[in-house]
């Protein structure tokens, strides 16, 4: 289910929201490269979250932070996760609900980051959305097991465990953003995902 098998043209047609979001993040990564790389100044210039600026009225940063990243490694890791985890959800939810889920995850995670902010830090990245995806998969794994293969459920739990462990040990990781995204995704799942929804290759067990 998590393996990408489509060619580029088919991928765009089947997953328009995933394609658009990855494309937007990629454009910002290219712009970042041309204006001097991943410096604090550039991260702020291109929409990164900074508490004092939000307090001064730049509330749009509670949204734009999710499309800017802090390094090339950060960017490529998040885009890989977005493609692997986002595709099956977009197919199961439909593009409209998936877009609602994506945007709500970004905004709600942004508000929580702002409430529990760390002083003198700049927050960037789509990790909160990635963990919202994991939150949805966790809900499915626990309460709608028939939607996924056993191996897919094991993958979700393993992936989540590795993700949470890395959140604790990797410096400069936003644990607040990751946990917020995970909880938001978990809570939103029964509101958006129909019990009749099916994932590609899923079976009733």
N, C-alpha and C. Protein backbone atom coordinates (compact mmCIF):
# COMPACT_ATOMS: atom_id res chain seq x y z
N UNK A 1 0.82 -1.22 0.00
CA UNK A 1 0.00 0.00 0.00
C UNK A 1 0.85 1.26 0.00
N UNK A 2 1.99 1.21 0.69
CA UNK A 2 2.82 2.40 0.82
C UNK A 2 3.86 2.53 -0.28
N UNK A 3 3.96 1.52 -1.17
CA UNK A 3 4.94 1.54 -2.24
C UNK A 3 4.40 2.36 -3.41
N UNK A 4 5.21 3.31 -3.90
CA UNK A 4 4.82 4.14 -5.04
C UNK A 4 5.08 3.36 -6.32
N UNK A 5 4.03 3.09 -7.08
CA UNK A 5 4.16 2.31 -8.32
C UNK A 5 3.74 3.11 -9.55
N UNK A 6 3.11 4.27 -9.35
CA UNK A 6 2.60 5.05 -10.48
C UNK A 6 3.73 5.81 -11.19
N UNK A 7 3.56 6.03 -12.51
CA UNK A 7 4.46 6.94 -13.19
C UNK A 7 4.05 8.37 -12.84
N UNK A 8 4.87 9.34 -13.25
CA UNK A 8 4.68 10.73 -12.81
C UNK A 8 3.32 11.27 -13.25
N UNK A 9 2.92 11.03 -14.48
CA UNK A 9 1.65 11.55 -14.99
C UNK A 9 0.47 10.96 -14.22
N UNK A 10 0.52 9.66 -13.99
CA UNK A 10 -0.55 9.00 -13.24
C UNK A 10 -0.58 9.47 -11.79
N UNK A 11 0.58 9.67 -11.21
CA UNK A 11 0.67 10.15 -9.83
C UNK A 11 -0.04 11.49 -9.69
N UNK A 12 0.24 12.43 -10.60
CA UNK A 12 -0.38 13.75 -10.53
C UNK A 12 -1.90 13.64 -10.63
N UNK A 13 -2.37 12.77 -11.53
CA UNK A 13 -3.81 12.62 -11.74
C UNK A 13 -4.50 12.01 -10.53
N UNK A 14 -3.87 11.02 -9.90
CA UNK A 14 -4.49 10.31 -8.78
C UNK A 14 -4.35 11.06 -7.46
N UNK A 15 -3.26 11.84 -7.32
CA UNK A 15 -2.98 12.49 -6.04
C UNK A 15 -2.71 13.98 -6.24
N UNK A 16 -3.71 14.75 -6.67
CA UNK A 16 -3.47 16.16 -6.99
C UNK A 16 -3.07 17.01 -5.77
N UNK A 17 -3.65 16.73 -4.61
CA UNK A 17 -3.34 17.54 -3.43
C UNK A 17 -1.93 17.22 -2.93
N UNK A 18 -1.60 15.95 -2.86
CA UNK A 18 -0.25 15.56 -2.47
C UNK A 18 0.77 16.17 -3.42
N UNK A 19 0.50 16.11 -4.72
CA UNK A 19 1.40 16.68 -5.72
C UNK A 19 1.56 18.18 -5.52
N UNK A 20 0.45 18.87 -5.29
CA UNK A 20 0.50 20.33 -5.13
C UNK A 20 1.31 20.71 -3.90
N UNK A 21 1.08 20.03 -2.78
CA UNK A 21 1.78 20.37 -1.54
C UNK A 21 3.28 20.08 -1.64
N UNK A 22 3.62 18.96 -2.22
CA UNK A 22 5.04 18.64 -2.41
C UNK A 22 5.66 19.65 -3.38
N UNK A 23 4.91 20.01 -4.41
CA UNK A 23 5.40 21.00 -5.37
C UNK A 23 5.64 22.35 -4.73
N UNK A 24 4.71 22.79 -3.88
CA UNK A 24 4.85 24.08 -3.20
C UNK A 24 6.08 24.10 -2.30
N UNK A 25 6.25 23.04 -1.53
CA UNK A 25 7.43 22.94 -0.67
C UNK A 25 8.72 22.92 -1.49
N UNK A 26 8.66 22.26 -2.64
CA UNK A 26 9.83 22.16 -3.51
C UNK A 26 10.19 23.52 -4.10
N UNK A 27 9.17 24.29 -4.49
CA UNK A 27 9.43 25.64 -5.02
C UNK A 27 10.11 26.50 -3.96
N UNK A 28 9.65 26.42 -2.73
CA UNK A 28 10.28 27.19 -1.65
C UNK A 28 11.71 26.72 -1.40
N UNK A 29 11.96 25.42 -1.54
CA UNK A 29 13.32 24.91 -1.38
C UNK A 29 14.24 25.46 -2.47
N UNK A 30 13.73 25.55 -3.69
CA UNK A 30 14.51 26.10 -4.80
C UNK A 30 14.79 27.59 -4.57
N UNK A 31 13.75 28.32 -4.15
CA UNK A 31 13.93 29.75 -3.86
C UNK A 31 14.97 29.93 -2.75
N UNK A 32 14.87 29.10 -1.72
CA UNK A 32 15.82 29.17 -0.61
C UNK A 32 17.26 29.01 -1.11
N UNK A 33 17.44 28.08 -2.02
CA UNK A 33 18.78 27.84 -2.57
C UNK A 33 19.31 29.08 -3.28
N UNK A 34 18.46 29.74 -4.06
CA UNK A 34 18.90 30.88 -4.85
C UNK A 34 19.12 32.15 -4.02
N UNK A 35 18.51 32.22 -2.83
CA UNK A 35 18.71 33.43 -2.01
C UNK A 35 19.73 33.22 -0.89
N UNK A 36 20.43 32.09 -0.94
CA UNK A 36 21.53 31.93 0.00
C UNK A 36 21.48 30.74 0.93
N UNK A 37 20.47 29.88 0.77
CA UNK A 37 20.42 28.67 1.59
C UNK A 37 19.60 28.80 2.85
N UNK A 38 19.70 27.79 3.68
CA UNK A 38 18.84 27.68 4.88
C UNK A 38 19.47 28.43 6.06
N UNK A 39 19.35 29.75 6.02
CA UNK A 39 19.75 30.57 7.15
C UNK A 39 18.51 30.95 7.95
N UNK A 40 18.70 31.39 9.18
CA UNK A 40 17.58 31.83 10.00
C UNK A 40 16.82 32.96 9.31
N UNK A 41 17.57 33.88 8.74
CA UNK A 41 16.95 35.02 8.06
C UNK A 41 16.07 34.57 6.90
N UNK A 42 16.55 33.61 6.12
CA UNK A 42 15.77 33.13 4.98
C UNK A 42 14.57 32.31 5.42
N UNK A 43 14.73 31.54 6.47
CA UNK A 43 13.58 30.77 6.98
C UNK A 43 12.47 31.70 7.43
N UNK A 44 12.84 32.79 8.09
CA UNK A 44 11.83 33.77 8.52
C UNK A 44 11.25 34.50 7.32
N UNK A 45 12.11 34.88 6.38
CA UNK A 45 11.68 35.61 5.19
C UNK A 45 10.66 34.82 4.39
N UNK A 46 10.82 33.50 4.35
CA UNK A 46 9.94 32.67 3.53
C UNK A 46 8.82 31.99 4.31
N UNK A 47 8.53 32.50 5.52
CA UNK A 47 7.31 32.07 6.20
C UNK A 47 7.47 31.24 7.45
N UNK A 48 8.70 31.05 7.93
CA UNK A 48 8.89 30.27 9.15
C UNK A 48 8.19 30.89 10.35
N UNK A 49 7.84 30.04 11.30
CA UNK A 49 7.17 30.50 12.53
C UNK A 49 8.19 31.08 13.50
N UNK A 50 7.88 32.26 14.02
CA UNK A 50 8.66 32.87 15.09
C UNK A 50 7.68 33.58 16.01
N UNK A 51 7.70 33.24 17.29
CA UNK A 51 6.63 33.66 18.20
C UNK A 51 6.48 35.17 18.28
N UNK A 52 7.57 35.87 18.39
CA UNK A 52 7.47 37.33 18.55
C UNK A 52 6.83 37.98 17.32
N UNK A 53 7.14 37.47 16.14
CA UNK A 53 6.55 38.02 14.93
C UNK A 53 5.05 37.74 14.87
N UNK A 54 4.65 36.55 15.33
CA UNK A 54 3.22 36.24 15.39
C UNK A 54 2.51 37.16 16.37
N UNK A 55 3.16 37.41 17.51
CA UNK A 55 2.58 38.32 18.51
C UNK A 55 2.46 39.74 17.98
N UNK A 56 3.32 40.08 17.03
CA UNK A 56 3.28 41.42 16.42
C UNK A 56 2.24 41.51 15.31
N UNK A 57 1.54 40.43 15.04
CA UNK A 57 0.45 40.46 14.08
C UNK A 57 0.64 39.61 12.84
N UNK A 58 1.79 38.96 12.68
CA UNK A 58 2.04 38.14 11.49
C UNK A 58 1.49 36.73 11.70
N UNK A 59 0.16 36.66 11.88
CA UNK A 59 -0.47 35.39 12.22
C UNK A 59 -0.45 34.41 11.05
N UNK A 60 -0.20 34.89 9.85
CA UNK A 60 -0.11 34.00 8.71
C UNK A 60 1.02 32.99 8.86
N UNK A 61 1.98 33.28 9.75
CA UNK A 61 3.08 32.35 9.98
C UNK A 61 2.60 31.06 10.65
N UNK A 62 1.42 31.07 11.26
CA UNK A 62 0.85 29.86 11.85
C UNK A 62 0.41 28.88 10.76
N UNK A 63 0.45 29.33 9.52
CA UNK A 63 0.11 28.49 8.37
C UNK A 63 1.33 28.24 7.47
N UNK A 64 2.05 29.32 7.16
CA UNK A 64 3.13 29.22 6.17
C UNK A 64 4.35 28.44 6.67
N UNK A 65 4.49 28.31 7.98
CA UNK A 65 5.64 27.56 8.53
C UNK A 65 5.73 26.14 7.96
N UNK A 66 4.57 25.58 7.59
CA UNK A 66 4.51 24.17 7.18
C UNK A 66 5.04 23.93 5.78
N UNK A 67 5.34 24.99 5.04
CA UNK A 67 5.80 24.83 3.67
C UNK A 67 7.27 25.18 3.50
N UNK A 68 7.84 25.80 4.50
CA UNK A 68 9.26 26.13 4.52
C UNK A 68 9.97 25.10 5.40
N UNK A 69 11.23 24.80 5.09
CA UNK A 69 11.97 23.82 5.89
C UNK A 69 13.28 24.40 6.41
N UNK A 70 13.92 23.65 7.30
CA UNK A 70 15.09 24.16 7.98
C UNK A 70 16.41 23.71 7.39
N UNK A 71 16.37 22.74 6.49
CA UNK A 71 17.59 22.23 5.85
C UNK A 71 17.17 21.35 4.68
N UNK A 72 18.14 20.99 3.83
CA UNK A 72 17.83 20.09 2.73
C UNK A 72 17.42 18.71 3.25
N UNK A 73 18.09 18.24 4.30
CA UNK A 73 17.74 16.94 4.88
C UNK A 73 16.32 16.97 5.41
N UNK A 74 15.96 18.04 6.09
CA UNK A 74 14.61 18.23 6.62
C UNK A 74 13.58 18.20 5.49
N UNK A 75 13.88 18.93 4.43
CA UNK A 75 12.98 19.00 3.27
C UNK A 75 12.79 17.62 2.64
N UNK A 76 13.89 16.94 2.30
CA UNK A 76 13.78 15.66 1.59
C UNK A 76 13.12 14.60 2.46
N UNK A 77 13.39 14.60 3.76
CA UNK A 77 12.77 13.64 4.65
C UNK A 77 11.26 13.85 4.71
N UNK A 78 10.84 15.10 4.88
CA UNK A 78 9.41 15.37 4.97
C UNK A 78 8.68 15.09 3.66
N UNK A 79 9.30 15.41 2.53
CA UNK A 79 8.64 15.14 1.25
C UNK A 79 8.52 13.64 1.01
N UNK A 80 9.52 12.89 1.40
CA UNK A 80 9.45 11.43 1.27
C UNK A 80 8.30 10.87 2.10
N UNK A 81 8.20 11.32 3.35
CA UNK A 81 7.12 10.87 4.23
C UNK A 81 5.76 11.29 3.69
N UNK A 82 5.69 12.52 3.15
CA UNK A 82 4.42 13.01 2.63
C UNK A 82 3.94 12.16 1.46
N UNK A 83 4.87 11.79 0.59
CA UNK A 83 4.50 10.96 -0.56
C UNK A 83 4.11 9.56 -0.13
N UNK A 84 4.89 8.96 0.76
CA UNK A 84 4.61 7.60 1.20
C UNK A 84 3.31 7.51 1.99
N UNK A 85 3.13 8.43 2.94
CA UNK A 85 1.97 8.36 3.84
C UNK A 85 0.74 9.06 3.29
N UNK A 86 0.94 10.12 2.50
CA UNK A 86 -0.19 10.92 2.05
C UNK A 86 -1.00 10.29 0.94
N UNK A 87 -0.34 9.60 0.02
CA UNK A 87 -1.03 9.02 -1.13
C UNK A 87 -2.22 8.14 -0.74
N UNK A 88 -2.02 7.13 0.10
CA UNK A 88 -3.15 6.26 0.43
C UNK A 88 -4.30 7.01 1.12
N UNK A 89 -3.96 8.03 1.91
CA UNK A 89 -5.00 8.80 2.58
C UNK A 89 -5.79 9.65 1.60
N UNK A 90 -5.10 10.22 0.62
CA UNK A 90 -5.82 11.03 -0.37
C UNK A 90 -6.79 10.16 -1.17
N UNK A 91 -6.38 8.95 -1.49
CA UNK A 91 -7.26 8.04 -2.23
C UNK A 91 -8.45 7.61 -1.38
N UNK A 92 -8.20 7.34 -0.10
CA UNK A 92 -9.28 6.85 0.78
C UNK A 92 -10.26 7.97 1.15
N UNK A 93 -9.74 9.16 1.40
CA UNK A 93 -10.60 10.28 1.81
C UNK A 93 -11.25 10.97 0.63
N UNK A 94 -10.57 10.95 -0.51
CA UNK A 94 -10.95 11.81 -1.63
C UNK A 94 -10.20 13.12 -1.50
N UNK A 95 -9.94 13.78 -2.60
CA UNK A 95 -9.07 14.95 -2.59
C UNK A 95 -9.64 16.10 -1.77
N UNK A 96 -10.95 16.29 -1.77
CA UNK A 96 -11.55 17.41 -1.02
C UNK A 96 -11.36 17.22 0.47
N UNK A 97 -11.73 16.06 0.99
CA UNK A 97 -11.56 15.80 2.41
C UNK A 97 -10.09 15.77 2.80
N UNK A 98 -9.26 15.25 1.91
CA UNK A 98 -7.83 15.22 2.19
C UNK A 98 -7.28 16.64 2.32
N UNK A 99 -7.73 17.53 1.44
CA UNK A 99 -7.30 18.93 1.52
C UNK A 99 -7.75 19.56 2.84
N UNK A 100 -8.99 19.30 3.23
CA UNK A 100 -9.50 19.82 4.50
C UNK A 100 -8.65 19.29 5.66
N UNK A 101 -8.37 18.01 5.63
CA UNK A 101 -7.55 17.38 6.66
C UNK A 101 -6.15 17.99 6.71
N UNK A 102 -5.56 18.18 5.55
CA UNK A 102 -4.21 18.74 5.45
C UNK A 102 -4.17 20.15 6.04
N UNK A 103 -5.07 21.01 5.57
CA UNK A 103 -5.06 22.40 6.00
C UNK A 103 -5.40 22.54 7.48
N UNK A 104 -6.37 21.76 7.95
CA UNK A 104 -6.73 21.80 9.37
C UNK A 104 -5.56 21.35 10.23
N UNK A 105 -4.83 20.33 9.78
CA UNK A 105 -3.66 19.84 10.52
C UNK A 105 -2.59 20.92 10.63
N UNK A 106 -2.35 21.61 9.53
CA UNK A 106 -1.35 22.69 9.52
C UNK A 106 -1.74 23.79 10.49
N UNK A 107 -2.97 24.27 10.39
CA UNK A 107 -3.41 25.41 11.19
C UNK A 107 -3.50 25.06 12.67
N UNK A 108 -4.11 23.92 13.00
CA UNK A 108 -4.25 23.54 14.40
C UNK A 108 -2.90 23.26 15.05
N UNK A 109 -2.00 22.61 14.31
CA UNK A 109 -0.65 22.38 14.82
C UNK A 109 0.06 23.70 15.04
N UNK A 110 -0.14 24.65 14.12
CA UNK A 110 0.46 25.97 14.27
C UNK A 110 0.01 26.67 15.53
N UNK A 111 -1.28 26.61 15.82
CA UNK A 111 -1.80 27.25 17.03
C UNK A 111 -1.23 26.60 18.29
N UNK A 112 -1.09 25.28 18.28
CA UNK A 112 -0.54 24.59 19.45
C UNK A 112 0.94 24.92 19.62
N UNK A 113 1.68 24.97 18.52
CA UNK A 113 3.08 25.38 18.59
C UNK A 113 3.20 26.78 19.18
N UNK A 114 2.30 27.65 18.77
CA UNK A 114 2.32 29.03 19.28
C UNK A 114 2.02 29.08 20.77
N UNK A 115 1.11 28.23 21.22
CA UNK A 115 0.73 28.22 22.64
C UNK A 115 1.84 27.67 23.51
N UNK A 116 2.54 26.64 23.00
CA UNK A 116 3.62 26.01 23.77
C UNK A 116 4.99 26.34 23.17
N UNK A 117 5.14 27.55 22.67
CA UNK A 117 6.36 27.93 21.94
C UNK A 117 7.60 27.89 22.82
N UNK A 118 8.74 27.66 22.16
CA UNK A 118 10.03 27.78 22.82
C UNK A 118 10.62 29.13 22.44
N UNK A 119 11.15 29.88 23.40
CA UNK A 119 11.69 31.21 23.10
C UNK A 119 12.85 31.15 22.11
N UNK A 120 12.93 32.17 21.26
CA UNK A 120 14.07 32.35 20.35
C UNK A 120 14.29 31.17 19.41
N UNK A 121 13.21 30.58 18.93
CA UNK A 121 13.31 29.49 17.96
C UNK A 121 12.47 29.81 16.73
N UNK A 122 12.89 29.29 15.60
CA UNK A 122 12.13 29.39 14.35
C UNK A 122 11.65 28.00 13.99
N UNK A 123 10.35 27.84 13.84
CA UNK A 123 9.77 26.53 13.53
C UNK A 123 9.42 26.47 12.04
N UNK A 124 9.79 25.38 11.40
CA UNK A 124 9.46 25.18 9.99
C UNK A 124 9.17 23.71 9.73
N UNK A 125 8.50 23.45 8.62
CA UNK A 125 8.40 22.09 8.15
C UNK A 125 7.01 21.47 8.18
N UNK A 126 6.85 20.44 7.36
CA UNK A 126 5.58 19.71 7.23
C UNK A 126 5.51 18.51 8.16
N UNK A 127 6.40 18.45 9.15
CA UNK A 127 6.41 17.28 10.04
C UNK A 127 5.10 17.13 10.80
N UNK A 128 4.50 18.25 11.21
CA UNK A 128 3.23 18.18 11.93
C UNK A 128 2.16 17.49 11.10
N UNK A 129 2.14 17.80 9.80
CA UNK A 129 1.19 17.14 8.89
C UNK A 129 1.52 15.66 8.77
N UNK A 130 2.82 15.36 8.66
CA UNK A 130 3.22 13.95 8.58
C UNK A 130 2.76 13.16 9.79
N UNK A 131 2.86 13.76 10.97
CA UNK A 131 2.40 13.08 12.18
C UNK A 131 0.88 13.04 12.25
N UNK A 132 0.21 14.02 11.64
CA UNK A 132 -1.25 13.94 11.54
C UNK A 132 -1.65 12.74 10.68
N UNK A 133 -0.88 12.51 9.60
CA UNK A 133 -1.11 11.31 8.80
C UNK A 133 -0.95 10.06 9.67
N UNK A 134 0.12 10.03 10.46
CA UNK A 134 0.35 8.88 11.33
C UNK A 134 -0.76 8.74 12.37
N UNK A 135 -1.28 9.88 12.85
CA UNK A 135 -2.39 9.83 13.80
C UNK A 135 -3.62 9.18 13.19
N UNK A 136 -3.88 9.49 11.91
CA UNK A 136 -5.00 8.87 11.22
C UNK A 136 -4.76 7.38 11.03
N UNK A 137 -3.56 7.02 10.63
CA UNK A 137 -3.24 5.59 10.48
C UNK A 137 -3.32 4.85 11.81
N UNK A 138 -2.92 5.53 12.89
CA UNK A 138 -2.99 4.89 14.21
C UNK A 138 -4.43 4.61 14.59
N UNK A 139 -5.32 5.57 14.35
CA UNK A 139 -6.74 5.36 14.63
C UNK A 139 -7.27 4.17 13.83
N UNK A 140 -6.92 4.13 12.55
CA UNK A 140 -7.37 3.03 11.70
C UNK A 140 -6.83 1.70 12.21
N UNK A 141 -5.55 1.69 12.58
CA UNK A 141 -4.91 0.46 13.08
C UNK A 141 -5.59 -0.06 14.34
N UNK A 142 -6.03 0.86 15.20
CA UNK A 142 -6.62 0.47 16.47
C UNK A 142 -8.12 0.16 16.36
N UNK A 143 -8.84 0.92 15.53
CA UNK A 143 -10.30 0.84 15.56
C UNK A 143 -10.95 0.40 14.24
N UNK A 144 -10.20 0.40 13.14
CA UNK A 144 -10.77 -0.03 11.85
C UNK A 144 -9.78 -0.95 11.14
N UNK A 145 -9.44 -2.01 11.81
CA UNK A 145 -8.39 -2.90 11.34
C UNK A 145 -8.69 -3.50 9.98
N UNK A 146 -9.97 -3.63 9.66
CA UNK A 146 -10.34 -4.27 8.39
C UNK A 146 -9.90 -3.46 7.18
N UNK A 147 -9.52 -2.20 7.38
CA UNK A 147 -9.13 -1.34 6.26
C UNK A 147 -7.71 -1.61 5.77
N UNK A 148 -6.89 -2.24 6.61
CA UNK A 148 -5.48 -2.41 6.28
C UNK A 148 -5.05 -3.86 6.39
N UNK A 149 -4.06 -4.22 5.59
CA UNK A 149 -3.40 -5.51 5.77
C UNK A 149 -2.68 -5.53 7.11
N UNK A 150 -2.44 -6.73 7.62
CA UNK A 150 -1.67 -6.87 8.86
C UNK A 150 -0.28 -6.25 8.71
N UNK A 151 0.38 -6.48 7.58
CA UNK A 151 1.71 -5.92 7.36
C UNK A 151 1.68 -4.40 7.32
N UNK A 152 0.59 -3.83 6.78
CA UNK A 152 0.47 -2.37 6.76
C UNK A 152 0.32 -1.82 8.17
N UNK A 153 -0.44 -2.52 9.00
CA UNK A 153 -0.60 -2.07 10.39
C UNK A 153 0.72 -2.14 11.14
N UNK A 154 1.49 -3.19 10.89
CA UNK A 154 2.80 -3.32 11.52
C UNK A 154 3.73 -2.20 11.06
N UNK A 155 3.64 -1.85 9.78
CA UNK A 155 4.45 -0.76 9.24
C UNK A 155 4.12 0.54 9.94
N UNK A 156 2.82 0.81 10.14
CA UNK A 156 2.39 2.04 10.81
C UNK A 156 2.96 2.12 12.22
N UNK A 157 2.83 1.05 12.99
CA UNK A 157 3.33 1.06 14.37
C UNK A 157 4.84 1.21 14.41
N UNK A 158 5.54 0.51 13.52
CA UNK A 158 7.00 0.62 13.46
C UNK A 158 7.43 2.03 13.07
N UNK A 159 6.80 2.56 12.04
CA UNK A 159 7.11 3.90 11.55
C UNK A 159 6.86 4.93 12.64
N UNK A 160 5.73 4.78 13.35
CA UNK A 160 5.40 5.71 14.42
C UNK A 160 6.41 5.62 15.56
N UNK A 161 6.78 4.41 15.93
CA UNK A 161 7.76 4.24 17.00
C UNK A 161 9.10 4.88 16.66
N UNK A 162 9.56 4.68 15.43
CA UNK A 162 10.82 5.28 15.00
C UNK A 162 10.70 6.80 14.98
N UNK A 163 9.55 7.28 14.52
CA UNK A 163 9.35 8.72 14.45
C UNK A 163 9.36 9.38 15.82
N UNK A 164 8.67 8.78 16.77
CA UNK A 164 8.63 9.36 18.11
C UNK A 164 9.99 9.29 18.78
N UNK A 165 10.71 8.20 18.55
CA UNK A 165 12.05 8.08 19.13
C UNK A 165 12.98 9.14 18.55
N UNK A 166 12.91 9.34 17.23
CA UNK A 166 13.75 10.36 16.60
C UNK A 166 13.38 11.76 17.07
N UNK A 167 12.10 11.96 17.37
CA UNK A 167 11.67 13.27 17.88
C UNK A 167 12.31 13.59 19.22
N UNK A 168 12.61 12.55 19.99
CA UNK A 168 13.19 12.74 21.31
C UNK A 168 14.71 12.92 21.27
N UNK A 169 15.37 12.30 20.28
CA UNK A 169 16.82 12.28 20.31
C UNK A 169 17.49 13.22 19.30
N UNK A 170 16.75 13.65 18.26
CA UNK A 170 17.35 14.53 17.25
C UNK A 170 17.25 15.97 17.72
N UNK A 171 18.36 16.68 17.80
CA UNK A 171 18.33 18.09 18.24
C UNK A 171 17.48 18.94 17.30
N UNK A 172 16.90 20.00 17.87
CA UNK A 172 16.12 20.99 17.12
C UNK A 172 14.82 20.43 16.53
N UNK A 173 14.41 19.25 16.97
CA UNK A 173 13.14 18.68 16.52
C UNK A 173 12.00 19.25 17.35
N UNK A 174 10.89 19.61 16.70
CA UNK A 174 9.74 20.15 17.42
C UNK A 174 8.87 19.01 17.94
N UNK A 175 9.16 18.56 19.15
CA UNK A 175 8.36 17.50 19.76
C UNK A 175 6.92 17.95 19.92
N UNK A 176 6.73 19.22 20.28
CA UNK A 176 5.37 19.76 20.43
C UNK A 176 4.60 19.65 19.12
N UNK A 177 5.24 20.05 18.02
CA UNK A 177 4.58 19.99 16.72
C UNK A 177 4.26 18.57 16.30
N UNK A 178 5.17 17.64 16.59
CA UNK A 178 4.95 16.25 16.22
C UNK A 178 3.80 15.63 17.01
N UNK A 179 3.81 15.84 18.32
CA UNK A 179 2.74 15.28 19.16
C UNK A 179 1.41 15.94 18.85
N UNK A 180 1.43 17.25 18.59
CA UNK A 180 0.20 17.96 18.24
C UNK A 180 -0.39 17.38 16.95
N UNK A 181 0.45 17.19 15.94
CA UNK A 181 -0.03 16.63 14.69
C UNK A 181 -0.59 15.23 14.87
N UNK A 182 0.09 14.41 15.66
CA UNK A 182 -0.36 13.05 15.91
C UNK A 182 -1.75 13.03 16.54
N UNK A 183 -1.95 13.85 17.56
CA UNK A 183 -3.24 13.91 18.26
C UNK A 183 -4.32 14.46 17.35
N UNK A 184 -4.01 15.52 16.61
CA UNK A 184 -4.98 16.12 15.70
C UNK A 184 -5.43 15.11 14.65
N UNK A 185 -4.48 14.40 14.06
CA UNK A 185 -4.84 13.40 13.06
C UNK A 185 -5.71 12.30 13.63
N UNK A 186 -5.38 11.85 14.83
CA UNK A 186 -6.13 10.79 15.50
C UNK A 186 -7.57 11.24 15.75
N UNK A 187 -7.73 12.44 16.27
CA UNK A 187 -9.06 12.95 16.62
C UNK A 187 -9.92 13.23 15.39
N UNK A 188 -9.29 13.69 14.31
CA UNK A 188 -10.04 14.06 13.11
C UNK A 188 -10.48 12.85 12.29
N UNK A 189 -9.85 11.71 12.49
CA UNK A 189 -10.12 10.55 11.64
C UNK A 189 -11.60 10.14 11.61
N UNK A 190 -12.26 9.94 12.76
CA UNK A 190 -13.67 9.52 12.69
C UNK A 190 -14.59 10.59 12.11
N UNK A 191 -14.11 11.84 12.06
CA UNK A 191 -14.92 12.92 11.49
C UNK A 191 -14.85 12.96 9.97
N UNK A 192 -13.75 12.45 9.41
CA UNK A 192 -13.53 12.57 7.97
C UNK A 192 -13.52 11.25 7.22
N UNK A 193 -13.10 10.19 7.88
CA UNK A 193 -12.93 8.91 7.19
C UNK A 193 -14.17 8.04 7.36
N UNK A 194 -14.87 7.82 6.28
CA UNK A 194 -16.06 6.97 6.31
C UNK A 194 -15.69 5.53 6.63
N UNK A 195 -16.56 4.85 7.34
CA UNK A 195 -16.33 3.44 7.63
C UNK A 195 -16.37 2.59 6.37
N UNK A 196 -16.96 3.15 5.32
CA UNK A 196 -17.03 2.43 4.04
C UNK A 196 -15.80 2.67 3.18
N UNK A 197 -14.92 3.57 3.61
CA UNK A 197 -13.72 3.87 2.82
C UNK A 197 -12.81 2.65 2.75
N UNK A 198 -12.10 2.53 1.65
CA UNK A 198 -11.19 1.42 1.47
C UNK A 198 -9.86 1.91 0.92
N UNK A 199 -8.80 1.32 1.41
CA UNK A 199 -7.47 1.62 0.91
C UNK A 199 -7.13 0.63 -0.19
N UNK A 200 -6.27 1.07 -1.10
CA UNK A 200 -5.83 0.18 -2.16
C UNK A 200 -5.14 -1.04 -1.54
N UNK A 201 -5.52 -2.21 -2.01
CA UNK A 201 -4.99 -3.51 -1.56
C UNK A 201 -5.53 -3.93 -0.20
N UNK A 202 -6.46 -3.15 0.43
CA UNK A 202 -6.97 -3.58 1.73
C UNK A 202 -7.99 -4.70 1.55
N UNK A 203 -8.14 -5.51 2.61
CA UNK A 203 -9.09 -6.62 2.59
C UNK A 203 -9.81 -6.66 3.92
N UNK A 204 -10.94 -7.34 3.96
CA UNK A 204 -11.64 -7.54 5.22
C UNK A 204 -11.01 -8.71 5.96
N UNK A 205 -10.66 -8.52 7.23
CA UNK A 205 -10.08 -9.60 8.02
C UNK A 205 -10.82 -9.72 9.34
